[in-house]
Amino acid sequence: MILYRQNYAALTFVPKPRKRKPILSIRPRCVRGRRKPDAPTGATRPAFDLLGRIDEICDRHGLSDSAIGRRAVNDPNLVYALRDGRRIREQTRARIVACLDQIEGGR
Protein backbone atom coordinates (compact mmCIF):
# COMPACT_ATOMS: atom_id res chain seq x y z
CA MET A 1 0.00 0.00 0.00
CA ILE A 2 1.35 3.38 -0.96
CA LEU A 3 1.03 6.14 1.54
CA TYR A 4 0.85 9.73 0.37
CA ARG A 5 2.32 12.26 2.70
CA GLN A 6 0.75 15.64 3.15
CA ASN A 7 2.99 18.61 2.45
CA TYR A 8 1.90 21.05 5.14
CA ALA A 9 4.58 23.55 4.21
CA ALA A 10 3.04 23.97 0.77
CA LEU A 11 -0.42 24.50 2.22
CA THR A 12 0.70 27.41 4.38
CA PHE A 13 2.96 28.98 1.75
CA VAL A 14 2.39 32.67 1.24
CA PRO A 15 4.40 34.26 -1.57
CA LYS A 16 6.54 37.24 -0.75
CA PRO A 17 5.27 40.52 -2.13
CA ARG A 18 6.99 41.45 -5.36
CA LYS A 19 9.10 44.53 -5.48
CA ARG A 20 7.72 46.88 -8.07
CA LYS A 21 10.13 48.51 -10.43
CA PRO A 22 10.16 52.26 -10.07
CA ILE A 23 8.27 54.10 -12.78
CA LEU A 24 10.75 55.98 -14.87
CA SER A 25 9.84 59.50 -15.69
CA ILE A 26 8.78 59.99 -19.28
CA ARG A 27 11.04 62.27 -21.23
CA PRO A 28 9.11 65.29 -22.51
CA ARG A 29 8.80 65.71 -26.24
CA CYS A 30 11.03 68.16 -28.00
CA VAL A 31 9.61 71.59 -28.46
CA ARG A 32 8.08 71.74 -31.89
CA GLY A 33 9.19 74.57 -34.03
CA ARG A 34 11.43 75.71 -36.80
CA ARG A 35 14.76 74.07 -37.42
CA LYS A 36 17.74 76.10 -36.35
CA PRO A 37 19.95 77.31 -39.21
CA ASP A 38 23.02 75.67 -37.70
CA ALA A 39 21.31 72.29 -37.34
CA PRO A 40 23.00 69.34 -39.07
CA THR A 41 21.67 68.10 -42.40
CA GLY A 42 20.20 64.95 -40.83
CA ALA A 43 18.13 66.99 -38.38
CA THR A 44 14.46 66.28 -38.00
CA ARG A 45 11.42 68.48 -38.31
CA PRO A 46 7.65 68.00 -38.35
CA ALA A 47 5.99 67.17 -41.65
CA PHE A 48 2.69 69.00 -41.29
CA ASP A 49 3.05 70.32 -44.85
CA LEU A 50 2.74 66.79 -46.28
CA LEU A 51 -0.53 65.97 -44.52
CA GLY A 52 -2.74 67.96 -46.90
CA ARG A 53 -1.26 66.22 -49.91
CA ILE A 54 -1.58 62.82 -48.22
CA ASP A 55 -5.25 63.47 -47.45
CA GLU A 56 -5.96 64.48 -51.06
CA ILE A 57 -4.29 61.32 -52.38
CA CYS A 58 -6.18 59.15 -49.90
CA ASP A 59 -9.50 60.61 -51.05
CA ARG A 60 -8.69 60.59 -54.76
CA HIS A 61 -7.26 57.07 -54.96
CA GLY A 62 -9.25 55.40 -52.17
CA LEU A 63 -6.19 54.50 -50.10
CA SER A 64 -6.03 54.33 -46.33
CA ASP A 65 -3.48 56.17 -44.21
CA SER A 66 -1.77 52.92 -43.28
CA ALA A 67 -1.50 51.88 -46.95
CA ILE A 68 0.38 55.07 -47.79
CA GLY A 69 2.67 54.67 -44.79
CA ARG A 70 3.36 51.07 -45.74
CA ARG A 71 4.16 51.99 -49.34
CA ALA A 72 6.39 54.93 -48.43
CA VAL A 73 8.52 53.67 -45.56
CA ASN A 74 7.01 50.31 -44.56
CA ASP A 75 5.45 51.84 -41.45
CA PRO A 76 1.64 51.58 -41.25
CA ASN A 77 1.52 54.13 -38.41
CA LEU A 78 3.46 56.81 -40.29
CA VAL A 79 0.56 59.12 -41.20
CA TYR A 80 -0.99 58.84 -37.74
CA ALA A 81 2.35 59.71 -36.18
CA LEU A 82 2.82 62.66 -38.56
CA ARG A 83 -0.54 64.03 -37.46
CA ASP A 84 0.61 63.62 -33.87
CA GLY A 85 3.73 65.69 -34.55
CA ARG A 86 6.34 63.07 -35.39
CA ARG A 87 9.58 64.59 -36.60
CA ILE A 88 11.16 63.01 -39.66
CA ARG A 89 14.55 63.27 -41.36
CA GLU A 90 15.06 64.80 -44.78
CA GLN A 91 15.73 61.35 -46.27
CA THR A 92 12.41 60.06 -44.95
CA ARG A 93 10.64 63.15 -46.28
CA ALA A 94 12.17 62.50 -49.70
CA ARG A 95 10.97 58.88 -49.66
CA ILE A 96 7.44 59.96 -48.74
CA VAL A 97 7.35 62.61 -51.48
CA ALA A 98 8.68 60.10 -54.04
CA CYS A 99 5.98 57.61 -53.05
CA LEU A 100 3.26 60.28 -53.31
CA ASP A 101 4.57 61.28 -56.75
CA GLN A 102 4.49 57.65 -57.85
CA ILE A 103 0.90 57.20 -56.64
CA GLU A 104 -0.23 60.39 -58.39
CA GLY A 105 1.59 59.42 -61.59
CA GLY A 106 -0.24 56.13 -61.79
CA ARG A 107 -0.75 53.09 -59.67
PDB file of N, CA and C in Angstrom:
ATOM      1  N   MET A   1       0.842  -1.168   0.000  1.00  0.00           N
ATOM      2  CA  MET A   1       0.000   0.000   0.000  1.00  0.00           C
ATOM      3  C   MET A   1       0.894   1.241   0.000  1.00  0.00           C
ATOM      4  N   ILE A   2       0.560   2.164  -0.865  1.00  0.00           N
ATOM      5  CA  ILE A   2       1.353   3.382  -0.965  1.00  0.00           C
ATOM      6  C   ILE A   2       0.699   4.456  -0.109  1.00  0.00           C
ATOM      7  N   LEU A   3       1.523   5.055   0.697  1.00  0.00           N
ATOM      8  CA  LEU A   3       1.033   6.142   1.544  1.00  0.00           C
ATOM      9  C   LEU A   3       1.447   7.479   0.932  1.00  0.00           C
ATOM     10  N   TYR A   4       0.555   8.399   0.866  1.00  0.00           N
ATOM     11  CA  TYR A   4       0.851   9.733   0.372  1.00  0.00           C
ATOM     12  C   TYR A   4       0.981  10.660   1.560  1.00  0.00           C
ATOM     13  N   ARG A   5       2.088  11.359   1.578  1.00  0.00           N
ATOM     14  CA  ARG A   5       2.315  12.261   2.699  1.00  0.00           C
ATOM     15  C   ARG A   5       1.780  13.638   2.361  1.00  0.00           C
ATOM     16  N   GLN A   6       1.277  14.293   3.331  1.00  0.00           N
ATOM     17  CA  GLN A   6       0.751  15.637   3.148  1.00  0.00           C
ATOM     18  C   GLN A   6       1.876  16.648   3.287  1.00  0.00           C
ATOM     19  N   ASN A   7       1.972  17.582   2.382  1.00  0.00           N
ATOM     20  CA  ASN A   7       2.993  18.614   2.450  1.00  0.00           C
ATOM     21  C   ASN A   7       2.365  19.850   3.097  1.00  0.00           C
ATOM     22  N   TYR A   8       2.519  19.950   4.401  1.00  0.00           N
ATOM     23  CA  TYR A   8       1.901  21.047   5.141  1.00  0.00           C
ATOM     24  C   TYR A   8       2.598  22.378   4.870  1.00  0.00           C
ATOM     25  N   ALA A   9       3.864  22.315   4.515  1.00  0.00           N
ATOM     26  CA  ALA A   9       4.583  23.551   4.214  1.00  0.00           C
ATOM     27  C   ALA A   9       4.000  24.217   2.968  1.00  0.00           C
ATOM     28  N   ALA A  10       3.593  23.412   1.994  1.00  0.00           N
ATOM     29  CA  ALA A  10       3.036  23.973   0.775  1.00  0.00           C
ATOM     30  C   ALA A  10       1.651  24.552   1.008  1.00  0.00           C
ATOM     31  N   LEU A  11       0.922  24.001   1.943  1.00  0.00           N
ATOM     32  CA  LEU A  11      -0.417  24.502   2.222  1.00  0.00           C
ATOM     33  C   LEU A  11      -0.391  25.869   2.882  1.00  0.00           C
ATOM     34  N   THR A  12       0.639  26.137   3.661  1.00  0.00           N
ATOM     35  CA  THR A  12       0.702  27.410   4.377  1.00  0.00           C
ATOM     36  C   THR A  12       1.611  28.406   3.680  1.00  0.00           C
ATOM     37  N   PHE A  13       2.032  28.109   2.465  1.00  0.00           N
ATOM     38  CA  PHE A  13       2.962  28.981   1.746  1.00  0.00           C
ATOM     39  C   PHE A  13       2.263  30.269   1.317  1.00  0.00           C
ATOM     40  N   VAL A  14       2.884  31.363   1.654  1.00  0.00           N
ATOM     41  CA  VAL A  14       2.392  32.670   1.236  1.00  0.00           C
ATOM     42  C   VAL A  14       3.529  33.332   0.461  1.00  0.00           C
ATOM     43  N   PRO A  15       3.305  33.669  -0.789  1.00  0.00           N
ATOM     44  CA  PRO A  15       4.401  34.261  -1.572  1.00  0.00           C
ATOM     45  C   PRO A  15       4.790  35.632  -1.037  1.00  0.00           C
ATOM     46  N   LYS A  16       6.059  35.935  -1.184  1.00  0.00           N
ATOM     47  CA  LYS A  16       6.540  37.241  -0.754  1.00  0.00           C
ATOM     48  C   LYS A  16       6.009  38.298  -1.713  1.00  0.00           C
ATOM     49  N   PRO A  17       5.731  39.471  -1.221  1.00  0.00           N
ATOM     50  CA  PRO A  17       5.270  40.520  -2.134  1.00  0.00           C
ATOM     51  C   PRO A  17       6.386  40.897  -3.102  1.00  0.00           C
ATOM     52  N   ARG A  18       6.007  41.096  -4.329  1.00  0.00           N
ATOM     53  CA  ARG A  18       6.986  41.453  -5.357  1.00  0.00           C
ATOM     54  C   ARG A  18       7.385  42.909  -5.211  1.00  0.00           C
ATOM     55  N   LYS A  19       8.647  43.151  -5.465  1.00  0.00           N
ATOM     56  CA  LYS A  19       9.101  44.528  -5.476  1.00  0.00           C
ATOM     57  C   LYS A  19       8.749  45.118  -6.834  1.00  0.00           C
ATOM     58  N   ARG A  20       8.085  46.228  -6.813  1.00  0.00           N
ATOM     59  CA  ARG A  20       7.720  46.876  -8.065  1.00  0.00           C
ATOM     60  C   ARG A  20       8.877  47.727  -8.547  1.00  0.00           C
ATOM     61  N   LYS A  21       9.082  47.679  -9.849  1.00  0.00           N
ATOM     62  CA  LYS A  21      10.126  48.506 -10.427  1.00  0.00           C
ATOM     63  C   LYS A  21       9.663  49.957 -10.386  1.00  0.00           C
ATOM     64  N   PRO A  22      10.573  50.853 -10.108  1.00  0.00           N
ATOM     65  CA  PRO A  22      10.159  52.260 -10.074  1.00  0.00           C
ATOM     66  C   PRO A  22       9.747  52.727 -11.464  1.00  0.00           C
ATOM     67  N   ILE A  23       8.744  53.561 -11.513  1.00  0.00           N
ATOM     68  CA  ILE A  23       8.269  54.099 -12.780  1.00  0.00           C
ATOM     69  C   ILE A  23       9.239  55.189 -13.213  1.00  0.00           C
ATOM     70  N   LEU A  24       9.807  54.990 -14.369  1.00  0.00           N
ATOM     71  CA  LEU A  24      10.748  55.979 -14.874  1.00  0.00           C
ATOM     72  C   LEU A  24       9.978  57.169 -15.405  1.00  0.00           C
ATOM     73  N   SER A  25      10.526  58.314 -15.198  1.00  0.00           N
ATOM     74  CA  SER A  25       9.840  59.499 -15.692  1.00  0.00           C
ATOM     75  C   SER A  25       9.912  59.520 -17.212  1.00  0.00           C
ATOM     76  N   ILE A  26       8.843  59.940 -17.827  1.00  0.00           N
ATOM     77  CA  ILE A  26       8.779  59.988 -19.281  1.00  0.00           C
ATOM     78  C   ILE A  26       9.434  61.270 -19.748  1.00  0.00           C
ATOM     79  N   ARG A  27      10.327  61.117 -20.705  1.00  0.00           N
ATOM     80  CA  ARG A  27      11.038  62.269 -21.230  1.00  0.00           C
ATOM     81  C   ARG A  27      10.063  63.145 -22.014  1.00  0.00           C
ATOM     82  N   PRO A  28      10.031  64.426 -21.772  1.00  0.00           N
ATOM     83  CA  PRO A  28       9.111  65.286 -22.513  1.00  0.00           C
ATOM     84  C   PRO A  28       9.511  65.374 -23.975  1.00  0.00           C
ATOM     85  N   ARG A  29       8.524  65.571 -24.813  1.00  0.00           N
ATOM     86  CA  ARG A  29       8.797  65.707 -26.237  1.00  0.00           C
ATOM     87  C   ARG A  29       9.576  66.979 -26.503  1.00  0.00           C
ATOM     88  N   CYS A  30      10.288  66.965 -27.596  1.00  0.00           N
ATOM     89  CA  CYS A  30      11.029  68.156 -28.002  1.00  0.00           C
ATOM     90  C   CYS A  30      10.036  69.269 -28.342  1.00  0.00           C
ATOM     91  N   VAL A  31      10.455  70.458 -28.123  1.00  0.00           N
ATOM     92  CA  VAL A  31       9.613  71.592 -28.460  1.00  0.00           C
ATOM     93  C   VAL A  31       9.504  71.672 -29.974  1.00  0.00           C
ATOM     94  N   ARG A  32       8.291  71.691 -30.455  1.00  0.00           N
ATOM     95  CA  ARG A  32       8.079  71.742 -31.890  1.00  0.00           C
ATOM     96  C   ARG A  32       8.322  73.162 -32.387  1.00  0.00           C
ATOM     97  N   GLY A  33       8.961  73.235 -33.493  1.00  0.00           N
ATOM     98  CA  GLY A  33       9.192  74.566 -34.030  1.00  0.00           C
ATOM     99  C   GLY A  33      10.076  74.501 -35.251  1.00  0.00           C
ATOM    100  N   ARG A  34      10.600  75.630 -35.608  1.00  0.00           N
ATOM    101  CA  ARG A  34      11.430  75.706 -36.805  1.00  0.00           C
ATOM    102  C   ARG A  34      12.817  75.160 -36.514  1.00  0.00           C
ATOM    103  N   ARG A  35      13.418  74.622 -37.553  1.00  0.00           N
ATOM    104  CA  ARG A  35      14.756  74.075 -37.421  1.00  0.00           C
ATOM    105  C   ARG A  35      15.751  75.221 -37.343  1.00  0.00           C
ATOM    106  N   LYS A  36      16.728  75.068 -36.489  1.00  0.00           N
ATOM    107  CA  LYS A  36      17.740  76.096 -36.353  1.00  0.00           C
ATOM    108  C   LYS A  36      18.633  76.092 -37.585  1.00  0.00           C
ATOM    109  N   PRO A  37      19.127  77.268 -37.999  1.00  0.00           N
ATOM    110  CA  PRO A  37      19.950  77.314 -39.206  1.00  0.00           C
ATOM    111  C   PRO A  37      21.245  76.530 -39.080  1.00  0.00           C
ATOM    112  N   ASP A  38      21.771  76.382 -37.869  1.00  0.00           N
ATOM    113  CA  ASP A  38      23.021  75.667 -37.703  1.00  0.00           C
ATOM    114  C   ASP A  38      22.813  74.177 -37.414  1.00  0.00           C
ATOM    115  N   ALA A  39      21.592  73.702 -37.591  1.00  0.00           N
ATOM    116  CA  ALA A  39      21.306  72.288 -37.339  1.00  0.00           C
ATOM    117  C   ALA A  39      21.955  71.429 -38.418  1.00  0.00           C
ATOM    118  N   PRO A  40      22.377  70.216 -38.069  1.00  0.00           N
ATOM    119  CA  PRO A  40      22.998  69.344 -39.070  1.00  0.00           C
ATOM    120  C   PRO A  40      22.001  68.924 -40.141  1.00  0.00           C
ATOM    121  N   THR A  41      22.531  68.427 -41.261  1.00  0.00           N
ATOM    122  CA  THR A  41      21.672  68.096 -42.396  1.00  0.00           C
ATOM    123  C   THR A  41      20.724  66.950 -42.092  1.00  0.00           C
ATOM    124  N   GLY A  42      21.065  66.073 -41.169  1.00  0.00           N
ATOM    125  CA  GLY A  42      20.196  64.952 -40.831  1.00  0.00           C
ATOM    126  C   GLY A  42      19.175  65.293 -39.768  1.00  0.00           C
ATOM    127  N   ALA A  43      19.044  66.576 -39.445  1.00  0.00           N
ATOM    128  CA  ALA A  43      18.131  66.995 -38.384  1.00  0.00           C
ATOM    129  C   ALA A  43      16.694  66.698 -38.769  1.00  0.00           C
ATOM    130  N   THR A  44      15.860  66.618 -37.774  1.00  0.00           N
ATOM    131  CA  THR A  44      14.459  66.277 -38.001  1.00  0.00           C
ATOM    132  C   THR A  44      13.588  67.509 -37.858  1.00  0.00           C
ATOM    133  N   ARG A  45      12.418  67.419 -38.468  1.00  0.00           N
ATOM    134  CA  ARG A  45      11.423  68.476 -38.313  1.00  0.00           C
ATOM    135  C   ARG A  45      10.051  67.889 -38.605  1.00  0.00           C
ATOM    136  N   PRO A  46       8.986  68.521 -38.094  1.00  0.00           N
ATOM    137  CA  PRO A  46       7.647  68.004 -38.348  1.00  0.00           C
ATOM    138  C   PRO A  46       7.294  68.080 -39.826  1.00  0.00           C
ATOM    139  N   ALA A  47       6.369  67.236 -40.242  1.00  0.00           N
ATOM    140  CA  ALA A  47       5.986  67.171 -41.654  1.00  0.00           C
ATOM    141  C   ALA A  47       4.523  67.534 -41.832  1.00  0.00           C
ATOM    142  N   PHE A  48       4.086  68.602 -41.186  1.00  0.00           N
ATOM    143  CA  PHE A  48       2.685  68.996 -41.295  1.00  0.00           C
ATOM    144  C   PHE A  48       2.329  69.421 -42.709  1.00  0.00           C
ATOM    145  N   ASP A  49       3.329  69.881 -43.496  1.00  0.00           N
ATOM    146  CA  ASP A  49       3.055  70.324 -44.850  1.00  0.00           C
ATOM    147  C   ASP A  49       2.693  69.168 -45.778  1.00  0.00           C
ATOM    148  N   LEU A  50       3.063  67.951 -45.440  1.00  0.00           N
ATOM    149  CA  LEU A  50       2.743  66.792 -46.277  1.00  0.00           C
ATOM    150  C   LEU A  50       1.342  66.244 -46.028  1.00  0.00           C
ATOM    151  N   LEU A  51       0.753  66.586 -44.891  1.00  0.00           N
ATOM    152  CA  LEU A  51      -0.527  65.971 -44.515  1.00  0.00           C
ATOM    153  C   LEU A  51      -1.656  66.336 -45.472  1.00  0.00           C
ATOM    154  N   GLY A  52      -1.690  67.566 -45.947  1.00  0.00           N
ATOM    155  CA  GLY A  52      -2.738  67.962 -46.902  1.00  0.00           C
ATOM    156  C   GLY A  52      -2.660  67.160 -48.184  1.00  0.00           C
ATOM    157  N   ARG A  53      -1.447  66.990 -48.675  1.00  0.00           N
ATOM    158  CA  ARG A  53      -1.262  66.217 -49.910  1.00  0.00           C
ATOM    159  C   ARG A  53      -1.615  64.748 -49.692  1.00  0.00           C
ATOM    160  N   ILE A  54      -1.249  64.215 -48.534  1.00  0.00           N
ATOM    161  CA  ILE A  54      -1.578  62.817 -48.220  1.00  0.00           C
ATOM    162  C   ILE A  54      -3.085  62.625 -48.162  1.00  0.00           C
ATOM    163  N   ASP A  55      -3.795  63.572 -47.535  1.00  0.00           N
ATOM    164  CA  ASP A  55      -5.255  63.469 -47.446  1.00  0.00           C
ATOM    165  C   ASP A  55      -5.911  63.514 -48.824  1.00  0.00           C
ATOM    166  N   GLU A  56      -5.402  64.397 -49.705  1.00  0.00           N
ATOM    167  CA  GLU A  56      -5.960  64.480 -51.062  1.00  0.00           C
ATOM    168  C   GLU A  56      -5.761  63.165 -51.814  1.00  0.00           C
ATOM    169  N   ILE A  57      -4.573  62.583 -51.690  1.00  0.00           N
ATOM    170  CA  ILE A  57      -4.292  61.324 -52.383  1.00  0.00           C
ATOM    171  C   ILE A  57      -5.141  60.196 -51.821  1.00  0.00           C
ATOM    172  N   CYS A  58      -5.334  60.190 -50.509  1.00  0.00           N
ATOM    173  CA  CYS A  58      -6.179  59.153 -49.898  1.00  0.00           C
ATOM    174  C   CYS A  58      -7.600  59.231 -50.451  1.00  0.00           C
ATOM    175  N   ASP A  59      -8.138  60.441 -50.549  1.00  0.00           N
ATOM    176  CA  ASP A  59      -9.501  60.611 -51.045  1.00  0.00           C
ATOM    177  C   ASP A  59      -9.608  60.283 -52.535  1.00  0.00           C
ATOM    178  N   ARG A  60      -8.645  60.757 -53.305  1.00  0.00           N
ATOM    179  CA  ARG A  60      -8.694  60.594 -54.756  1.00  0.00           C
ATOM    180  C   ARG A  60      -8.511  59.140 -55.186  1.00  0.00           C
ATOM    181  N   HIS A  61      -7.590  58.424 -54.532  1.00  0.00           N
ATOM    182  CA  HIS A  61      -7.264  57.066 -54.959  1.00  0.00           C
ATOM    183  C   HIS A  61      -7.879  55.979 -54.072  1.00  0.00           C
ATOM    184  N   GLY A  62      -8.589  56.374 -53.036  1.00  0.00           N
ATOM    185  CA  GLY A  62      -9.254  55.396 -52.174  1.00  0.00           C
ATOM    186  C   GLY A  62      -8.286  54.578 -51.324  1.00  0.00           C
ATOM    187  N   LEU A  63      -7.174  55.184 -50.933  1.00  0.00           N
ATOM    188  CA  LEU A  63      -6.188  54.496 -50.098  1.00  0.00           C
ATOM    189  C   LEU A  63      -6.393  54.879 -48.636  1.00  0.00           C
ATOM    190  N   SER A  64      -5.976  54.009 -47.759  1.00  0.00           N
ATOM    191  CA  SER A  64      -6.029  54.327 -46.333  1.00  0.00           C
ATOM    192  C   SER A  64      -4.703  54.954 -45.912  1.00  0.00           C
ATOM    193  N   ASP A  65      -4.702  55.551 -44.724  1.00  0.00           N
ATOM    194  CA  ASP A  65      -3.480  56.167 -44.207  1.00  0.00           C
ATOM    195  C   ASP A  65      -2.386  55.124 -44.007  1.00  0.00           C
ATOM    196  N   SER A  66      -2.775  53.964 -43.527  1.00  0.00           N
ATOM    197  CA  SER A  66      -1.771  52.924 -43.282  1.00  0.00           C
ATOM    198  C   SER A  66      -1.201  52.375 -44.589  1.00  0.00           C
ATOM    199  N   ALA A  67      -2.006  52.357 -45.655  1.00  0.00           N
ATOM    200  CA  ALA A  67      -1.501  51.876 -46.951  1.00  0.00           C
ATOM    201  C   ALA A  67      -0.425  52.817 -47.489  1.00  0.00           C
ATOM    202  N   ILE A  68      -0.627  54.112 -47.323  1.00  0.00           N
ATOM    203  CA  ILE A  68       0.377  55.069 -47.793  1.00  0.00           C
ATOM    204  C   ILE A  68       1.642  54.942 -46.958  1.00  0.00           C
ATOM    205  N   GLY A  69       1.497  54.823 -45.652  1.00  0.00           N
ATOM    206  CA  GLY A  69       2.672  54.666 -44.792  1.00  0.00           C
ATOM    207  C   GLY A  69       3.449  53.403 -45.102  1.00  0.00           C
ATOM    208  N   ARG A  70       2.708  52.334 -45.406  1.00  0.00           N
ATOM    209  CA  ARG A  70       3.364  51.069 -45.743  1.00  0.00           C
ATOM    210  C   ARG A  70       4.115  51.173 -47.064  1.00  0.00           C
ATOM    211  N   ARG A  71       3.506  51.835 -48.040  1.00  0.00           N
ATOM    212  CA  ARG A  71       4.163  51.991 -49.345  1.00  0.00           C
ATOM    213  C   ARG A  71       5.398  52.874 -49.246  1.00  0.00           C
ATOM    214  N   ALA A  72       5.301  53.942 -48.473  1.00  0.00           N
ATOM    215  CA  ALA A  72       6.386  54.928 -48.434  1.00  0.00           C
ATOM    216  C   ALA A  72       7.599  54.424 -47.655  1.00  0.00           C
ATOM    217  N   VAL A  73       7.379  54.039 -46.410  1.00  0.00           N
ATOM    218  CA  VAL A  73       8.520  53.672 -45.558  1.00  0.00           C
ATOM    219  C   VAL A  73       8.297  52.381 -44.792  1.00  0.00           C
ATOM    220  N   ASN A  74       7.319  51.588 -45.208  1.00  0.00           N
ATOM    221  CA  ASN A  74       7.013  50.313 -44.561  1.00  0.00           C
ATOM    222  C   ASN A  74       6.640  50.496 -43.093  1.00  0.00           C
ATOM    223  N   ASP A  75       5.910  51.559 -42.807  1.00  0.00           N
ATOM    224  CA  ASP A  75       5.445  51.841 -41.447  1.00  0.00           C
ATOM    225  C   ASP A  75       3.967  52.210 -41.517  1.00  0.00           C
ATOM    226  N   PRO A  76       3.069  51.283 -41.125  1.00  0.00           N
ATOM    227  CA  PRO A  76       1.636  51.576 -41.248  1.00  0.00           C
ATOM    228  C   PRO A  76       1.166  52.719 -40.346  1.00  0.00           C
ATOM    229  N   ASN A  77       1.927  53.067 -39.326  1.00  0.00           N
ATOM    230  CA  ASN A  77       1.520  54.131 -38.410  1.00  0.00           C
ATOM    231  C   ASN A  77       2.125  55.484 -38.769  1.00  0.00           C
ATOM    232  N   LEU A  78       2.749  55.589 -39.923  1.00  0.00           N
ATOM    233  CA  LEU A  78       3.463  56.815 -40.292  1.00  0.00           C
ATOM    234  C   LEU A  78       2.539  58.027 -40.327  1.00  0.00           C
ATOM    235  N   VAL A  79       1.434  57.952 -41.034  1.00  0.00           N
ATOM    236  CA  VAL A  79       0.559  59.121 -41.204  1.00  0.00           C
ATOM    237  C   VAL A  79      -0.062  59.521 -39.869  1.00  0.00           C
ATOM    238  N   TYR A  80      -0.436  58.535 -39.065  1.00  0.00           N
ATOM    239  CA  TYR A  80      -0.994  58.844 -37.740  1.00  0.00           C
ATOM    240  C   TYR A  80       0.049  59.550 -36.876  1.00  0.00           C
ATOM    241  N   ALA A  81       1.285  59.090 -36.965  1.00  0.00           N
ATOM    242  CA  ALA A  81       2.351  59.707 -36.179  1.00  0.00           C
ATOM    243  C   ALA A  81       2.673  61.110 -36.693  1.00  0.00           C
ATOM    244  N   LEU A  82       2.591  61.322 -38.006  1.00  0.00           N
ATOM    245  CA  LEU A  82       2.823  62.661 -38.556  1.00  0.00           C
ATOM    246  C   LEU A  82       1.766  63.631 -38.053  1.00  0.00           C
ATOM    247  N   ARG A  83       0.531  63.170 -37.986  1.00  0.00           N
ATOM    248  CA  ARG A  83      -0.539  64.029 -37.462  1.00  0.00           C
ATOM    249  C   ARG A  83      -0.317  64.349 -35.992  1.00  0.00           C
ATOM    250  N   ASP A  84       0.351  63.424 -35.292  1.00  0.00           N
ATOM    251  CA  ASP A  84       0.612  63.617 -33.868  1.00  0.00           C
ATOM    252  C   ASP A  84       1.863  64.459 -33.628  1.00  0.00           C
ATOM    253  N   GLY A  85       2.569  64.831 -34.703  1.00  0.00           N
ATOM    254  CA  GLY A  85       3.728  65.692 -34.545  1.00  0.00           C
ATOM    255  C   GLY A  85       5.062  64.984 -34.664  1.00  0.00           C
ATOM    256  N   ARG A  86       5.081  63.799 -35.227  1.00  0.00           N
ATOM    257  CA  ARG A  86       6.343  63.071 -35.389  1.00  0.00           C
ATOM    258  C   ARG A  86       7.304  63.871 -36.263  1.00  0.00           C
ATOM    259  N   ARG A  87       8.547  63.888 -35.857  1.00  0.00           N
ATOM    260  CA  ARG A  87       9.579  64.590 -36.595  1.00  0.00           C
ATOM    261  C   ARG A  87      10.312  63.584 -37.471  1.00  0.00           C
ATOM    262  N   ILE A  88      10.516  63.943 -38.735  1.00  0.00           N
ATOM    263  CA  ILE A  88      11.159  63.010 -39.661  1.00  0.00           C
ATOM    264  C   ILE A  88      12.407  63.651 -40.260  1.00  0.00           C
ATOM    265  N   ARG A  89      13.328  62.803 -40.716  1.00  0.00           N
ATOM    266  CA  ARG A  89      14.550  63.272 -41.357  1.00  0.00           C
ATOM    267  C   ARG A  89      14.262  63.665 -42.800  1.00  0.00           C
ATOM    268  N   GLU A  90      15.216  64.367 -43.390  1.00  0.00           N
ATOM    269  CA  GLU A  90      15.056  64.795 -44.779  1.00  0.00           C
ATOM    270  C   GLU A  90      14.992  63.605 -45.727  1.00  0.00           C
ATOM    271  N   GLN A  91      15.750  62.539 -45.423  1.00  0.00           N
ATOM    272  CA  GLN A  91      15.731  61.349 -46.275  1.00  0.00           C
ATOM    273  C   GLN A  91      14.359  60.682 -46.244  1.00  0.00           C
ATOM    274  N   THR A  92      13.754  60.646 -45.075  1.00  0.00           N
ATOM    275  CA  THR A  92      12.414  60.059 -44.953  1.00  0.00           C
ATOM    276  C   THR A  92      11.404  60.918 -45.692  1.00  0.00           C
ATOM    277  N   ARG A  93      11.536  62.236 -45.574  1.00  0.00           N
ATOM    278  CA  ARG A  93      10.642  63.152 -46.282  1.00  0.00           C
ATOM    279  C   ARG A  93      10.747  62.920 -47.795  1.00  0.00           C
ATOM    280  N   ALA A  94      11.968  62.723 -48.273  1.00  0.00           N
ATOM    281  CA  ALA A  94      12.169  62.498 -49.702  1.00  0.00           C
ATOM    282  C   ALA A  94      11.525  61.182 -50.146  1.00  0.00           C
ATOM    283  N   ARG A  95      11.603  60.154 -49.312  1.00  0.00           N
ATOM    284  CA  ARG A  95      10.967  58.875 -49.656  1.00  0.00           C
ATOM    285  C   ARG A  95       9.451  59.005 -49.696  1.00  0.00           C
ATOM    286  N   ILE A  96       8.892  59.771 -48.768  1.00  0.00           N
ATOM    287  CA  ILE A  96       7.440  59.963 -48.742  1.00  0.00           C
ATOM    288  C   ILE A  96       6.988  60.732 -49.981  1.00  0.00           C
ATOM    289  N   VAL A  97       7.704  61.804 -50.308  1.00  0.00           N
ATOM    290  CA  VAL A  97       7.348  62.612 -51.485  1.00  0.00           C
ATOM    291  C   VAL A  97       7.471  61.776 -52.752  1.00  0.00           C
ATOM    292  N   ALA A  98       8.515  60.954 -52.860  1.00  0.00           N
ATOM    293  CA  ALA A  98       8.685  60.099 -54.037  1.00  0.00           C
ATOM    294  C   ALA A  98       7.532  59.107 -54.154  1.00  0.00           C
ATOM    295  N   CYS A  99       7.104  58.563 -53.035  1.00  0.00           N
ATOM    296  CA  CYS A  99       5.980  57.611 -53.046  1.00  0.00           C
ATOM    297  C   CYS A  99       4.692  58.319 -53.465  1.00  0.00           C
ATOM    298  N   LEU A 100       4.464  59.532 -52.950  1.00  0.00           N
ATOM    299  CA  LEU A 100       3.261  60.276 -53.312  1.00  0.00           C
ATOM    300  C   LEU A 100       3.275  60.635 -54.798  1.00  0.00           C
ATOM    301  N   ASP A 101       4.457  61.001 -55.311  1.00  0.00           N
ATOM    302  CA  ASP A 101       4.569  61.283 -56.746  1.00  0.00           C
ATOM    303  C   ASP A 101       4.262  60.049 -57.572  1.00  0.00           C
ATOM    304  N   GLN A 102       4.742  58.890 -57.123  1.00  0.00           N
ATOM    305  CA  GLN A 102       4.493  57.647 -57.849  1.00  0.00           C
ATOM    306  C   GLN A 102       3.007  57.298 -57.840  1.00  0.00           C
ATOM    307  N   ILE A 103       2.336  57.499 -56.729  1.00  0.00           N
ATOM    308  CA  ILE A 103       0.901  57.204 -56.638  1.00  0.00           C
ATOM    309  C   ILE A 103       0.121  58.152 -57.548  1.00  0.00           C
ATOM    310  N   GLU A 104       0.483  59.437 -57.543  1.00  0.00           N
ATOM    311  CA  GLU A 104      -0.231  60.388 -58.394  1.00  0.00           C
ATOM    312  C   GLU A 104       0.030  60.149 -59.879  1.00  0.00           C
ATOM    313  N   GLY A 105       1.247  59.676 -60.191  1.00  0.00           N
ATOM    314  CA  GLY A 105       1.592  59.418 -61.589  1.00  0.00           C
ATOM    315  C   GLY A 105       0.825  58.237 -62.160  1.00  0.00           C
ATOM    316  N   GLY A 106       0.500  57.317 -61.355  1.00  0.00           N
ATOM    317  CA  GLY A 106      -0.235  56.128 -61.790  1.00  0.00           C
ATOM    318  C   GLY A 106       0.056  54.989 -60.844  1.00  0.00           C
ATOM    319  N   ARG A 107      -0.929  54.192 -60.613  1.00  0.00           N
ATOM    320  CA  ARG A 107      -0.754  53.095 -59.666  1.00  0.00           C
ATOM    321  C   ARG A 107       0.189  52.127 -60.259  1.00  0.00           C
TER     322      ARG A 107
END
